[in-house]
Amino acid sequence: MADNKSTDDPTKPPASSSASTNEPLYGGFTRFELELEFVTLLASPPYLSHLATTKLLQHPAFVAYLRYLLYWTQPAYVKYLSYPGPTLKALELLQQEDFRRDVLRPDVVGRLAEGFLNGSLSG
């Protein structure tokens, strides 16, 4: 039971392996797979802009979810990220209220996209 505690508690990160047969599925996917898919999308500046324009970034529950997703900075999870640099930078920036407001601006999205591209090409 101690093995799968995170599966039973939605406030804890899911197990980083989908090998667990006890984990519930959501639309055929594990919580780990769904959260990996979502956090990977954060590396896309246009997607961040979309989140801002739909006003999701203003909802306290969504902001709390972004804070919860910080578990992706742990080595046990970061190894699953396709673009760890941009993904973790976006996750870090989304913790800041000013950024959540400013990402509505096209110039901010453009600078972010340029920075992510330059960072991913040099690293």
PDB file of N, CA and C in Angstrom:
ATOM      1  N   MET A   1       0.816  -1.189   0.000  1.00  0.00           N
ATOM      2  CA  MET A   1       0.000   0.000   0.000  1.00  0.00           C
ATOM      3  C   MET A   1       0.861   1.256   0.000  1.00  0.00           C
ATOM      4  N   ALA A   2       1.966   1.275   0.717  1.00  0.00           N
ATOM      5  CA  ALA A   2       2.856   2.432   0.732  1.00  0.00           C
ATOM      6  C   ALA A   2       3.444   2.679  -0.644  1.00  0.00           C
ATOM      7  N   ASP A   3       3.532   1.640  -1.456  1.00  0.00           N
ATOM      8  CA  ASP A   3       4.046   1.724  -2.815  1.00  0.00           C
ATOM      9  C   ASP A   3       3.233   2.662  -3.693  1.00  0.00           C
ATOM     10  N   ASN A   4       1.920   2.607  -3.547  1.00  0.00           N
ATOM     11  CA  ASN A   4       1.035   3.287  -4.469  1.00  0.00           C
ATOM     12  C   ASN A   4       0.267   4.431  -3.825  1.00  0.00           C
ATOM     13  N   LYS A   5       0.777   4.983  -2.743  1.00  0.00           N
ATOM     14  CA  LYS A   5       0.077   6.004  -2.002  1.00  0.00           C
ATOM     15  C   LYS A   5      -0.277   7.203  -2.864  1.00  0.00           C
ATOM     16  N   SER A   6       0.617   7.599  -3.779  1.00  0.00           N
ATOM     17  CA  SER A   6       0.355   8.761  -4.609  1.00  0.00           C
ATOM     18  C   SER A   6      -0.832   8.542  -5.537  1.00  0.00           C
ATOM     19  N   THR A   7      -1.115   7.300  -5.888  1.00  0.00           N
ATOM     20  CA  THR A   7      -2.255   7.001  -6.739  1.00  0.00           C
ATOM     21  C   THR A   7      -3.549   7.266  -5.998  1.00  0.00           C
ATOM     22  N   ASP A   8      -3.568   6.962  -4.709  1.00  0.00           N
ATOM     23  CA  ASP A   8      -4.763   7.118  -3.908  1.00  0.00           C
ATOM     24  C   ASP A   8      -4.997   8.562  -3.486  1.00  0.00           C
ATOM     25  N   ASP A   9      -3.997   9.380  -3.499  1.00  0.00           N
ATOM     26  CA  ASP A   9      -4.090  10.752  -3.030  1.00  0.00           C
ATOM     27  C   ASP A   9      -3.826  11.715  -4.183  1.00  0.00           C
ATOM     28  N   PRO A  10      -4.856  12.409  -4.676  1.00  0.00           N
ATOM     29  CA  PRO A  10      -4.672  13.297  -5.824  1.00  0.00           C
ATOM     30  C   PRO A  10      -3.808  14.517  -5.537  1.00  0.00           C
ATOM     31  N   THR A  11      -3.466  14.756  -4.271  1.00  0.00           N
ATOM     32  CA  THR A  11      -2.590  15.887  -3.962  1.00  0.00           C
ATOM     33  C   THR A  11      -1.122  15.510  -4.043  1.00  0.00           C
ATOM     34  N   LYS A  12      -0.849  14.232  -4.246  1.00  0.00           N
ATOM     35  CA  LYS A  12       0.528  13.757  -4.368  1.00  0.00           C
ATOM     36  C   LYS A  12       0.797  13.386  -5.822  1.00  0.00           C
ATOM     37  N   PRO A  13       2.057  13.537  -6.269  1.00  0.00           N
ATOM     38  CA  PRO A  13       2.383  13.165  -7.656  1.00  0.00           C
ATOM     39  C   PRO A  13       2.089  11.693  -7.919  1.00  0.00           C
ATOM     40  N   PRO A  14       1.696  11.383  -9.154  1.00  0.00           N
ATOM     41  CA  PRO A  14       1.469   9.971  -9.485  1.00  0.00           C
ATOM     42  C   PRO A  14       2.785   9.231  -9.590  1.00  0.00           C
ATOM     43  N   ALA A  15       2.723   7.928  -9.522  1.00  0.00           N
ATOM     44  CA  ALA A  15       3.918   7.117  -9.710  1.00  0.00           C
ATOM     45  C   ALA A  15       4.472   7.407 -11.095  1.00  0.00           C
ATOM     46  N   SER A  16       5.799   7.496 -11.202  1.00  0.00           N
ATOM     47  CA  SER A  16       6.402   7.852 -12.484  1.00  0.00           C
ATOM     48  C   SER A  16       6.449   6.690 -13.455  1.00  0.00           C
ATOM     49  N   SER A  17       5.980   5.547 -13.046  1.00  0.00           N
ATOM     50  CA  SER A  17       5.939   4.392 -13.933  1.00  0.00           C
ATOM     51  C   SER A  17       4.492   3.985 -14.134  1.00  0.00           C
ATOM     52  N   SER A  18       4.138   3.696 -15.358  1.00  0.00           N
ATOM     53  CA  SER A  18       2.762   3.267 -15.619  1.00  0.00           C
ATOM     54  C   SER A  18       2.628   1.749 -15.470  1.00  0.00           C
ATOM     55  N   ALA A  19       3.607   1.121 -14.855  1.00  0.00           N
ATOM     56  CA  ALA A  19       3.593  -0.335 -14.695  1.00  0.00           C
ATOM     57  C   ALA A  19       2.586  -0.795 -13.646  1.00  0.00           C
ATOM     58  N   SER A  20       2.131   0.119 -12.798  1.00  0.00           N
ATOM     59  CA  SER A  20       1.204  -0.247 -11.745  1.00  0.00           C
ATOM     60  C   SER A  20      -0.143  -0.665 -12.325  1.00  0.00           C
ATOM     61  N   THR A  21      -0.599  -1.840 -11.976  1.00  0.00           N
ATOM     62  CA  THR A  21      -1.891  -2.311 -12.481  1.00  0.00           C
ATOM     63  C   THR A  21      -3.039  -1.799 -11.627  1.00  0.00           C
ATOM     64  N   ASN A  22      -2.750  -1.243 -10.462  1.00  0.00           N
ATOM     65  CA  ASN A  22      -3.793  -0.749  -9.573  1.00  0.00           C
ATOM     66  C   ASN A  22      -4.199   0.682  -9.885  1.00  0.00           C
ATOM     67  N   GLU A  23      -3.444   1.370 -10.721  1.00  0.00           N
ATOM     68  CA  GLU A  23      -3.729   2.771 -10.980  1.00  0.00           C
ATOM     69  C   GLU A  23      -4.971   2.905 -11.858  1.00  0.00           C
ATOM     70  N   PRO A  24      -5.900   3.797 -11.449  1.00  0.00           N
ATOM     71  CA  PRO A  24      -7.105   3.989 -12.271  1.00  0.00           C
ATOM     72  C   PRO A  24      -6.764   4.672 -13.588  1.00  0.00           C
ATOM     73  N   LEU A  25      -7.596   4.427 -14.591  1.00  0.00           N
ATOM     74  CA  LEU A  25      -7.408   5.043 -15.903  1.00  0.00           C
ATOM     75  C   LEU A  25      -8.467   6.125 -16.101  1.00  0.00           C
ATOM     76  N   TYR A  26      -8.078   7.161 -16.802  1.00  0.00           N
ATOM     77  CA  TYR A  26      -8.962   8.271 -17.135  1.00  0.00           C
ATOM     78  C   TYR A  26      -8.983   8.374 -18.650  1.00  0.00           C
ATOM     79  N   GLY A  27     -10.060   7.913 -19.272  1.00  0.00           N
ATOM     80  CA  GLY A  27     -10.115   7.888 -20.722  1.00  0.00           C
ATOM     81  C   GLY A  27      -9.067   6.966 -21.321  1.00  0.00           C
ATOM     82  N   GLY A  28      -8.670   5.950 -20.573  1.00  0.00           N
ATOM     83  CA  GLY A  28      -7.678   4.994 -21.052  1.00  0.00           C
ATOM     84  C   GLY A  28      -6.238   5.366 -20.712  1.00  0.00           C
ATOM     85  N   PHE A  29      -6.043   6.473 -20.006  1.00  0.00           N
ATOM     86  CA  PHE A  29      -4.692   6.932 -19.674  1.00  0.00           C
ATOM     87  C   PHE A  29      -4.522   7.024 -18.165  1.00  0.00           C
ATOM     88  N   THR A  30      -3.291   6.823 -17.713  1.00  0.00           N
ATOM     89  CA  THR A  30      -2.991   6.987 -16.291  1.00  0.00           C
ATOM     90  C   THR A  30      -2.876   8.478 -15.970  1.00  0.00           C
ATOM     91  N   ARG A  31      -2.977   8.795 -14.715  1.00  0.00           N
ATOM     92  CA  ARG A  31      -2.802  10.183 -14.278  1.00  0.00           C
ATOM     93  C   ARG A  31      -1.419  10.686 -14.672  1.00  0.00           C
ATOM     94  N   PHE A  32      -0.415   9.842 -14.542  1.00  0.00           N
ATOM     95  CA  PHE A  32       0.942  10.213 -14.937  1.00  0.00           C
ATOM     96  C   PHE A  32       0.976  10.614 -16.412  1.00  0.00           C
ATOM     97  N   GLU A  33       0.376   9.822 -17.270  1.00  0.00           N
ATOM     98  CA  GLU A  33       0.384  10.117 -18.706  1.00  0.00           C
ATOM     99  C   GLU A  33      -0.344  11.416 -19.018  1.00  0.00           C
ATOM    100  N   LEU A  34      -1.477  11.651 -18.364  1.00  0.00           N
ATOM    101  CA  LEU A  34      -2.233  12.882 -18.589  1.00  0.00           C
ATOM    102  C   LEU A  34      -1.462  14.110 -18.115  1.00  0.00           C
ATOM    103  N   GLU A  35      -0.844  14.008 -16.950  1.00  0.00           N
ATOM    104  CA  GLU A  35      -0.096  15.152 -16.429  1.00  0.00           C
ATOM    105  C   GLU A  35       1.178  15.388 -17.234  1.00  0.00           C
ATOM    106  N   LEU A  36       1.807  14.334 -17.726  1.00  0.00           N
ATOM    107  CA  LEU A  36       2.969  14.494 -18.593  1.00  0.00           C
ATOM    108  C   LEU A  36       2.571  15.219 -19.878  1.00  0.00           C
ATOM    109  N   GLU A  37       1.468  14.825 -20.459  1.00  0.00           N
ATOM    110  CA  GLU A  37       0.977  15.471 -21.686  1.00  0.00           C
ATOM    111  C   GLU A  37       0.717  16.957 -21.439  1.00  0.00           C
ATOM    112  N   PHE A  38       0.043  17.267 -20.335  1.00  0.00           N
ATOM    113  CA  PHE A  38      -0.272  18.666 -20.041  1.00  0.00           C
ATOM    114  C   PHE A  38       0.988  19.481 -19.782  1.00  0.00           C
ATOM    115  N   VAL A  39       1.866  18.984 -18.933  1.00  0.00           N
ATOM    116  CA  VAL A  39       3.059  19.758 -18.581  1.00  0.00           C
ATOM    117  C   VAL A  39       3.960  19.942 -19.804  1.00  0.00           C
ATOM    118  N   THR A  40       3.959  18.988 -20.727  1.00  0.00           N
ATOM    119  CA  THR A  40       4.724  19.123 -21.965  1.00  0.00           C
ATOM    120  C   THR A  40       4.181  20.265 -22.818  1.00  0.00           C
ATOM    121  N   LEU A  41       2.888  20.454 -22.807  1.00  0.00           N
ATOM    122  CA  LEU A  41       2.278  21.557 -23.563  1.00  0.00           C
ATOM    123  C   LEU A  41       2.734  22.924 -23.070  1.00  0.00           C
ATOM    124  N   LEU A  42       3.173  22.996 -21.839  1.00  0.00           N
ATOM    125  CA  LEU A  42       3.611  24.280 -21.287  1.00  0.00           C
ATOM    126  C   LEU A  42       4.865  24.807 -21.974  1.00  0.00           C
ATOM    127  N   ALA A  43       5.568  23.974 -22.714  1.00  0.00           N
ATOM    128  CA  ALA A  43       6.747  24.420 -23.464  1.00  0.00           C
ATOM    129  C   ALA A  43       6.353  25.181 -24.725  1.00  0.00           C
ATOM    130  N   SER A  44       5.061  25.306 -24.981  1.00  0.00           N
ATOM    131  CA  SER A  44       4.558  26.008 -26.162  1.00  0.00           C
ATOM    132  C   SER A  44       4.044  27.396 -25.767  1.00  0.00           C
ATOM    133  N   PRO A  45       4.778  28.471 -26.111  1.00  0.00           N
ATOM    134  CA  PRO A  45       4.301  29.821 -25.792  1.00  0.00           C
ATOM    135  C   PRO A  45       2.896  30.130 -26.325  1.00  0.00           C
ATOM    136  N   PRO A  46       2.529  29.696 -27.542  1.00  0.00           N
ATOM    137  CA  PRO A  46       1.140  29.942 -27.965  1.00  0.00           C
ATOM    138  C   PRO A  46       0.112  29.255 -27.056  1.00  0.00           C
ATOM    139  N   TYR A  47       0.468  28.089 -26.525  1.00  0.00           N
ATOM    140  CA  TYR A  47      -0.453  27.416 -25.603  1.00  0.00           C
ATOM    141  C   TYR A  47      -0.576  28.207 -24.297  1.00  0.00           C
ATOM    142  N   LEU A  48       0.534  28.756 -23.829  1.00  0.00           N
ATOM    143  CA  LEU A  48       0.485  29.586 -22.619  1.00  0.00           C
ATOM    144  C   LEU A  48      -0.413  30.798 -22.855  1.00  0.00           C
ATOM    145  N   SER A  49      -0.302  31.391 -24.033  1.00  0.00           N
ATOM    146  CA  SER A  49      -1.153  32.517 -24.396  1.00  0.00           C
ATOM    147  C   SER A  49      -2.623  32.092 -24.425  1.00  0.00           C
ATOM    148  N   HIS A  50      -2.878  30.910 -24.958  1.00  0.00           N
ATOM    149  CA  HIS A  50      -4.247  30.377 -24.979  1.00  0.00           C
ATOM    150  C   HIS A  50      -4.797  30.233 -23.557  1.00  0.00           C
ATOM    151  N   LEU A  51      -4.000  29.703 -22.653  1.00  0.00           N
ATOM    152  CA  LEU A  51      -4.437  29.561 -21.264  1.00  0.00           C
ATOM    153  C   LEU A  51      -4.785  30.924 -20.662  1.00  0.00           C
ATOM    154  N   ALA A  52      -3.991  31.937 -21.031  1.00  0.00           N
ATOM    155  CA  ALA A  52      -4.240  33.283 -20.518  1.00  0.00           C
ATOM    156  C   ALA A  52      -5.500  33.891 -21.133  1.00  0.00           C
ATOM    157  N   THR A  53      -5.683  33.721 -22.437  1.00  0.00           N
ATOM    158  CA  THR A  53      -6.851  34.330 -23.089  1.00  0.00           C
ATOM    159  C   THR A  53      -8.154  33.677 -22.646  1.00  0.00           C
ATOM    160  N   THR A  54      -8.109  32.422 -22.264  1.00  0.00           N
ATOM    161  CA  THR A  54      -9.312  31.757 -21.755  1.00  0.00           C
ATOM    162  C   THR A  54      -9.513  32.029 -20.266  1.00  0.00           C
ATOM    163  N   LYS A  55      -8.634  32.842 -19.698  1.00  0.00           N
ATOM    164  CA  LYS A  55      -8.696  33.277 -18.299  1.00  0.00           C
ATOM    165  C   LYS A  55      -8.483  32.156 -17.284  1.00  0.00           C
ATOM    166  N   LEU A  56      -7.984  31.008 -17.741  1.00  0.00           N
ATOM    167  CA  LEU A  56      -7.685  29.924 -16.810  1.00  0.00           C
ATOM    168  C   LEU A  56      -6.614  30.332 -15.803  1.00  0.00           C
ATOM    169  N   LEU A  57      -5.663  31.153 -16.242  1.00  0.00           N
ATOM    170  CA  LEU A  57      -4.557  31.540 -15.365  1.00  0.00           C
ATOM    171  C   LEU A  57      -5.003  32.476 -14.240  1.00  0.00           C
ATOM    172  N   GLN A  58      -6.250  32.895 -14.266  1.00  0.00           N
ATOM    173  CA  GLN A  58      -6.787  33.747 -13.203  1.00  0.00           C
ATOM    174  C   GLN A  58      -7.536  32.948 -12.131  1.00  0.00           C
ATOM    175  N   HIS A  59      -7.811  31.695 -12.420  1.00  0.00           N
ATOM    176  CA  HIS A  59      -8.572  30.860 -11.482  1.00  0.00           C
ATOM    177  C   HIS A  59      -7.670  30.308 -10.390  1.00  0.00           C
ATOM    178  N   PRO A  60      -7.999  30.565  -9.128  1.00  0.00           N
ATOM    179  CA  PRO A  60      -7.170  30.059  -8.020  1.00  0.00           C
ATOM    180  C   PRO A  60      -6.958  28.549  -8.056  1.00  0.00           C
ATOM    181  N   ALA A  61      -7.958  27.798  -8.437  1.00  0.00           N
ATOM    182  CA  ALA A  61      -7.804  26.335  -8.479  1.00  0.00           C
ATOM    183  C   ALA A  61      -6.793  25.935  -9.554  1.00  0.00           C
ATOM    184  N   PHE A  62      -6.797  26.627 -10.676  1.00  0.00           N
ATOM    185  CA  PHE A  62      -5.841  26.307 -11.740  1.00  0.00           C
ATOM    186  C   PHE A  62      -4.433  26.715 -11.324  1.00  0.00           C
ATOM    187  N   VAL A  63      -4.312  27.853 -10.655  1.00  0.00           N
ATOM    188  CA  VAL A  63      -3.011  28.312 -10.151  1.00  0.00           C
ATOM    189  C   VAL A  63      -2.481  27.295  -9.135  1.00  0.00           C
ATOM    190  N   ALA A  64      -3.355  26.764  -8.307  1.00  0.00           N
ATOM    191  CA  ALA A  64      -2.944  25.732  -7.342  1.00  0.00           C
ATOM    192  C   ALA A  64      -2.486  24.475  -8.077  1.00  0.00           C
ATOM    193  N   TYR A  65      -3.148  24.126  -9.175  1.00  0.00           N
ATOM    194  CA  TYR A  65      -2.745  22.970  -9.971  1.00  0.00           C
ATOM    195  C   TYR A  65      -1.355  23.185 -10.568  1.00  0.00           C
ATOM    196  N   LEU A  66      -1.085  24.399 -11.037  1.00  0.00           N
ATOM    197  CA  LEU A  66       0.243  24.718 -11.562  1.00  0.00           C
ATOM    198  C   LEU A  66       1.310  24.574 -10.474  1.00  0.00           C
ATOM    199  N   ARG A  67       0.965  24.957  -9.259  1.00  0.00           N
ATOM    200  CA  ARG A  67       1.899  24.812  -8.129  1.00  0.00           C
ATOM    201  C   ARG A  67       2.128  23.326  -7.827  1.00  0.00           C
ATOM    202  N   TYR A  68       1.057  22.551  -7.874  1.00  0.00           N
ATOM    203  CA  TYR A  68       1.158  21.104  -7.666  1.00  0.00           C
ATOM    204  C   TYR A  68       2.088  20.466  -8.705  1.00  0.00           C
ATOM    205  N   LEU A  69       2.035  20.944  -9.943  1.00  0.00           N
ATOM    206  CA  LEU A  69       2.843  20.371 -11.019  1.00  0.00           C
ATOM    207  C   LEU A  69       4.344  20.597 -10.850  1.00  0.00           C
ATOM    208  N   LEU A  70       4.747  21.354  -9.864  1.00  0.00           N
ATOM    209  CA  LEU A  70       6.176  21.564  -9.626  1.00  0.00           C
ATOM    210  C   LEU A  70       6.915  20.263  -9.307  1.00  0.00           C
ATOM    211  N   TYR A  71       6.187  19.197  -9.022  1.00  0.00           N
ATOM    212  CA  TYR A  71       6.867  17.919  -8.793  1.00  0.00           C
ATOM    213  C   TYR A  71       7.644  17.481 -10.040  1.00  0.00           C
ATOM    214  N   TRP A  72       7.310  18.034 -11.203  1.00  0.00           N
ATOM    215  CA  TRP A  72       8.039  17.690 -12.429  1.00  0.00           C
ATOM    216  C   TRP A  72       9.476  18.173 -12.409  1.00  0.00           C
ATOM    217  N   THR A  73       9.839  19.019 -11.461  1.00  0.00           N
ATOM    218  CA  THR A  73      11.226  19.471 -11.345  1.00  0.00           C
ATOM    219  C   THR A  73      12.110  18.420 -10.673  1.00  0.00           C
ATOM    220  N   GLN A  74      11.498  17.397 -10.086  1.00  0.00           N
ATOM    221  CA  GLN A  74      12.261  16.343  -9.421  1.00  0.00           C
ATOM    222  C   GLN A  74      12.880  15.407 -10.466  1.00  0.00           C
ATOM    223  N   PRO A  75      14.129  14.974 -10.247  1.00  0.00           N
ATOM    224  CA  PRO A  75      14.812  14.104 -11.218  1.00  0.00           C
ATOM    225  C   PRO A  75      14.021  12.863 -11.631  1.00  0.00           C
ATOM    226  N   ALA A  76      13.245  12.307 -10.703  1.00  0.00           N
ATOM    227  CA  ALA A  76      12.472  11.104 -11.030  1.00  0.00           C
ATOM    228  C   ALA A  76      11.424  11.382 -12.109  1.00  0.00           C
ATOM    229  N   TYR A  77      11.046  12.637 -12.282  1.00  0.00           N
ATOM    230  CA  TYR A  77      10.025  12.996 -13.260  1.00  0.00           C
ATOM    231  C   TYR A  77      10.594  13.750 -14.454  1.00  0.00           C
ATOM    232  N   VAL A  78      11.582  14.603 -14.227  1.00  0.00           N
ATOM    233  CA  VAL A  78      12.110  15.442 -15.302  1.00  0.00           C
ATOM    234  C   VAL A  78      12.650  14.603 -16.459  1.00  0.00           C
ATOM    235  N   LYS A  79      13.098  13.415 -16.176  1.00  0.00           N
ATOM    236  CA  LYS A  79      13.657  12.553 -17.228  1.00  0.00           C
ATOM    237  C   LYS A  79      12.619  12.158 -18.272  1.00  0.00           C
ATOM    238  N   TYR A  80      11.337  12.316 -17.971  1.00  0.00           N
ATOM    239  CA  TYR A  80      10.285  11.975 -18.922  1.00  0.00           C
ATOM    240  C   TYR A  80       9.901  13.138 -19.843  1.00  0.00           C
ATOM    241  N   LEU A  81      10.400  14.326 -19.568  1.00  0.00           N
ATOM    242  CA  LEU A  81      10.035  15.501 -20.349  1.00  0.00           C
ATOM    243  C   LEU A  81      10.791  15.542 -21.671  1.00  0.00           C
ATOM    244  N   SER A  82      10.089  15.789 -22.752  1.00  0.00           N
ATOM    245  CA  SER A  82      10.720  15.892 -24.072  1.00  0.00           C
ATOM    246  C   SER A  82      11.567  17.151 -24.186  1.00  0.00           C
ATOM    247  N   TYR A  83      11.094  18.234 -23.607  1.00  0.00           N
ATOM    248  CA  TYR A  83      11.786  19.527 -23.659  1.00  0.00           C
ATOM    249  C   TYR A  83      11.899  20.060 -22.229  1.00  0.00           C
ATOM    250  N   PRO A  84      12.791  19.496 -21.430  1.00  0.00           N
ATOM    251  CA  PRO A  84      12.833  19.873 -20.013  1.00  0.00           C
ATOM    252  C   PRO A  84      13.132  21.355 -19.780  1.00  0.00           C
ATOM    253  N   GLY A  85      14.040  21.937 -20.552  1.00  0.00           N
ATOM    254  CA  GLY A  85      14.380  23.344 -20.332  1.00  0.00           C
ATOM    255  C   GLY A  85      13.186  24.263 -20.474  1.00  0.00           C
ATOM    256  N   PRO A  86      12.553  24.299 -21.655  1.00  0.00           N
ATOM    257  CA  PRO A  86      11.394  25.169 -21.828  1.00  0.00           C
ATOM    258  C   PRO A  86      10.204  24.801 -20.934  1.00  0.00           C
ATOM    259  N   THR A  87       9.987  23.512 -20.723  1.00  0.00           N
ATOM    260  CA  THR A  87       8.858  23.081 -19.898  1.00  0.00           C
ATOM    261  C   THR A  87       9.022  23.567 -18.464  1.00  0.00           C
ATOM    262  N   LEU A  88      10.193  23.351 -17.891  1.00  0.00           N
ATOM    263  CA  LEU A  88      10.412  23.750 -16.499  1.00  0.00           C
ATOM    264  C   LEU A  88      10.481  25.258 -16.341  1.00  0.00           C
ATOM    265  N   LYS A  89      11.009  25.952 -17.348  1.00  0.00           N
ATOM    266  CA  LYS A  89      11.038  27.418 -17.293  1.00  0.00           C
ATOM    267  C   LYS A  89       9.616  27.967 -17.316  1.00  0.00           C
ATOM    268  N   ALA A  90       8.778  27.429 -18.191  1.00  0.00           N
ATOM    269  CA  ALA A  90       7.383  27.869 -18.252  1.00  0.00           C
ATOM    270  C   ALA A  90       6.669  27.582 -16.933  1.00  0.00           C
ATOM    271  N   LEU A  91       6.899  26.413 -16.377  1.00  0.00           N
ATOM    272  CA  LEU A  91       6.281  26.053 -15.101  1.00  0.00           C
ATOM    273  C   LEU A  91       6.724  27.012 -14.002  1.00  0.00           C
ATOM    274  N   GLU A  92       8.004  27.366 -14.018  1.00  0.00           N
ATOM    275  CA  GLU A  92       8.538  28.334 -13.047  1.00  0.00           C
ATOM    276  C   GLU A  92       7.886  29.707 -13.250  1.00  0.00           C
ATOM    277  N   LEU A  93       7.817  30.169 -14.484  1.00  0.00           N
ATOM    278  CA  LEU A  93       7.231  31.481 -14.767  1.00  0.00           C
ATOM    279  C   LEU A  93       5.748  31.535 -14.414  1.00  0.00           C
ATOM    280  N   LEU A  94       5.044  30.437 -14.622  1.00  0.00           N
ATOM    281  CA  LEU A  94       3.616  30.402 -14.327  1.00  0.00           C
ATOM    282  C   LEU A  94       3.309  30.509 -12.833  1.00  0.00           C
ATOM    283  N   GLN A  95       4.311  30.362 -12.007  1.00  0.00           N
ATOM    284  CA  GLN A  95       4.111  30.535 -10.565  1.00  0.00           C
ATOM    285  C   GLN A  95       3.989  32.021 -10.199  1.00  0.00           C
ATOM    286  N   GLN A  96       4.366  32.887 -11.127  1.00  0.00           N
ATOM    287  CA  GLN A  96       4.385  34.331 -10.882  1.00  0.00           C
ATOM    288  C   GLN A  96       3.118  34.984 -11.442  1.00  0.00           C
ATOM    289  N   GLU A  97       2.430  35.715 -10.593  1.00  0.00           N
ATOM    290  CA  GLU A  97       1.196  36.379 -11.011  1.00  0.00           C
ATOM    291  C   GLU A  97       1.440  37.359 -12.158  1.00  0.00           C
ATOM    292  N   ASP A  98       2.542  38.101 -12.108  1.00  0.00           N
ATOM    293  CA  ASP A  98       2.846  39.057 -13.184  1.00  0.00           C
ATOM    294  C   ASP A  98       2.981  38.350 -14.530  1.00  0.00           C
ATOM    295  N   PHE A  99       3.659  37.216 -14.551  1.00  0.00           N
ATOM    296  CA  PHE A  99       3.813  36.482 -15.806  1.00  0.00           C
ATOM    297  C   PHE A  99       2.471  35.979 -16.311  1.00  0.00           C
ATOM    298  N   ARG A 100       1.643  35.459 -15.407  1.00  0.00           N
ATOM    299  CA  ARG A 100       0.337  34.943 -15.825  1.00  0.00           C
ATOM    300  C   ARG A 100      -0.505  36.048 -16.470  1.00  0.00           C
ATOM    301  N   ARG A 101      -0.310  37.280 -16.055  1.00  0.00           N
ATOM    302  CA  ARG A 101      -1.006  38.414 -16.653  1.00  0.00           C
ATOM    303  C   ARG A 101      -0.322  38.836 -17.964  1.00  0.00           C
ATOM    304  N   ASP A 102       1.005  38.915 -17.957  1.00  0.00           N
ATOM    305  CA  ASP A 102       1.754  39.428 -19.103  1.00  0.00           C
ATOM    306  C   ASP A 102       1.774  38.497 -20.305  1.00  0.00           C
ATOM    307  N   VAL A 103       1.536  37.207 -20.106  1.00  0.00           N
ATOM    308  CA  VAL A 103       1.611  36.260 -21.217  1.00  0.00           C
ATOM    309  C   VAL A 103       0.472  36.481 -22.227  1.00  0.00           C
ATOM    310  N   LEU A 104      -0.430  37.372 -21.910  1.00  0.00           N
ATOM    311  CA  LEU A 104      -1.464  37.776 -22.862  1.00  0.00           C
ATOM    312  C   LEU A 104      -0.880  38.626 -23.990  1.00  0.00           C
ATOM    313  N   ARG A 105       0.230  39.284 -23.717  1.00  0.00           N
ATOM    314  CA  ARG A 105       0.821  40.208 -24.689  1.00  0.00           C
ATOM    315  C   ARG A 105       1.618  39.455 -25.753  1.00  0.00           C
ATOM    316  N   PRO A 106       1.372  39.757 -27.038  1.00  0.00           N
ATOM    317  CA  PRO A 106       2.087  39.078 -28.122  1.00  0.00           C
ATOM    318  C   PRO A 106       3.603  39.241 -28.049  1.00  0.00           C
ATOM    319  N   ASP A 107       4.091  40.393 -27.579  1.00  0.00           N
ATOM    320  CA  ASP A 107       5.542  40.586 -27.494  1.00  0.00           C
ATOM    321  C   ASP A 107       6.158  39.653 -26.453  1.00  0.00           C
ATOM    322  N   VAL A 108       5.451  39.396 -25.382  1.00  0.00           N
ATOM    323  CA  VAL A 108       5.941  38.476 -24.348  1.00  0.00           C
ATOM    324  C   VAL A 108       5.977  37.052 -24.902  1.00  0.00           C
ATOM    325  N   VAL A 109       4.923  36.665 -25.604  1.00  0.00           N
ATOM    326  CA  VAL A 109       4.864  35.329 -26.203  1.00  0.00           C
ATOM    327  C   VAL A 109       5.998  35.174 -27.220  1.00  0.00           C
ATOM    328  N   GLY A 110       6.240  36.208 -28.022  1.00  0.00           N
ATOM    329  CA  GLY A 110       7.311  36.160 -29.016  1.00  0.00           C
ATOM    330  C   GLY A 110       8.686  36.020 -28.389  1.00  0.00           C
ATOM    331  N   ARG A 111       8.938  36.800 -27.342  1.00  0.00           N
ATOM    332  CA  ARG A 111      10.241  36.700 -26.645  1.00  0.00           C
ATOM    333  C   ARG A 111      10.402  35.341 -25.992  1.00  0.00           C
ATOM    334  N   LEU A 112       9.328  34.845 -25.443  1.00  0.00           N
ATOM    335  CA  LEU A 112       9.371  33.527 -24.806  1.00  0.00           C
ATOM    336  C   LEU A 112       9.672  32.449 -25.841  1.00  0.00           C
ATOM    337  N   ALA A 113       9.007  32.511 -26.984  1.00  0.00           N
ATOM    338  CA  ALA A 113       9.234  31.528 -28.046  1.00  0.00           C
ATOM    339  C   ALA A 113      10.687  31.605 -28.528  1.00  0.00           C
ATOM    340  N   GLU A 114      11.194  32.805 -28.704  1.00  0.00           N
ATOM    341  CA  GLU A 114      12.579  32.972 -29.147  1.00  0.00           C
ATOM    342  C   GLU A 114      13.547  32.417 -28.106  1.00  0.00           C
ATOM    343  N   GLY A 115      13.287  32.711 -26.849  1.00  0.00           N
ATOM    344  CA  GLY A 115      14.142  32.200 -25.778  1.00  0.00           C
ATOM    345  C   GLY A 115      14.111  30.695 -25.678  1.00  0.00           C
ATOM    346  N   PHE A 116      12.920  30.105 -25.818  1.00  0.00           N
ATOM    347  CA  PHE A 116      12.814  28.645 -25.764  1.00  0.00           C
ATOM    348  C   PHE A 116      13.547  28.014 -26.935  1.00  0.00           C
ATOM    349  N   LEU A 117      13.396  28.603 -28.122  1.00  0.00           N
ATOM    350  CA  LEU A 117      14.064  28.067 -29.306  1.00  0.00           C
ATOM    351  C   LEU A 117      15.571  28.169 -29.181  1.00  0.00           C
ATOM    352  N   ASN A 118      16.062  29.331 -28.775  1.00  0.00           N
ATOM    353  CA  ASN A 118      17.504  29.502 -28.605  1.00  0.00           C
ATOM    354  C   ASN A 118      18.060  28.567 -27.535  1.00  0.00           C
ATOM    355  N   GLY A 119      17.343  28.436 -26.456  1.00  0.00           N
ATOM    356  CA  GLY A 119      17.775  27.545 -25.373  1.00  0.00           C
ATOM    357  C   GLY A 119      17.802  26.100 -25.786  1.00  0.00           C
ATOM    358  N   SER A 120      16.802  25.675 -26.553  1.00  0.00           N
ATOM    359  CA  SER A 120      16.756  24.267 -26.938  1.00  0.00           C
ATOM    360  C   SER A 120      17.768  23.947 -28.028  1.00  0.00           C
ATOM    361  N   LEU A 121      18.131  24.943 -28.840  1.00  0.00           N
ATOM    362  CA  LEU A 121      19.121  24.697 -29.879  1.00  0.00           C
ATOM    363  C   LEU A 121      20.538  24.691 -29.328  1.00  0.00           C
ATOM    364  N   SER A 122      20.779  25.480 -28.291  1.00  0.00           N
ATOM    365  CA  SER A 122      22.141  25.550 -27.749  1.00  0.00           C
ATOM    366  C   SER A 122      22.407  24.465 -26.728  1.00  0.00           C
ATOM    367  N   GLY A 123      21.359  23.855 -26.194  1.00  0.00           N
ATOM    368  CA  GLY A 123      21.546  22.851 -25.155  1.00  0.00           C
ATOM    369  C   GLY A 123      21.364  21.534 -25.700  1.00  0.00           C
TER     370      GLY A 123
END
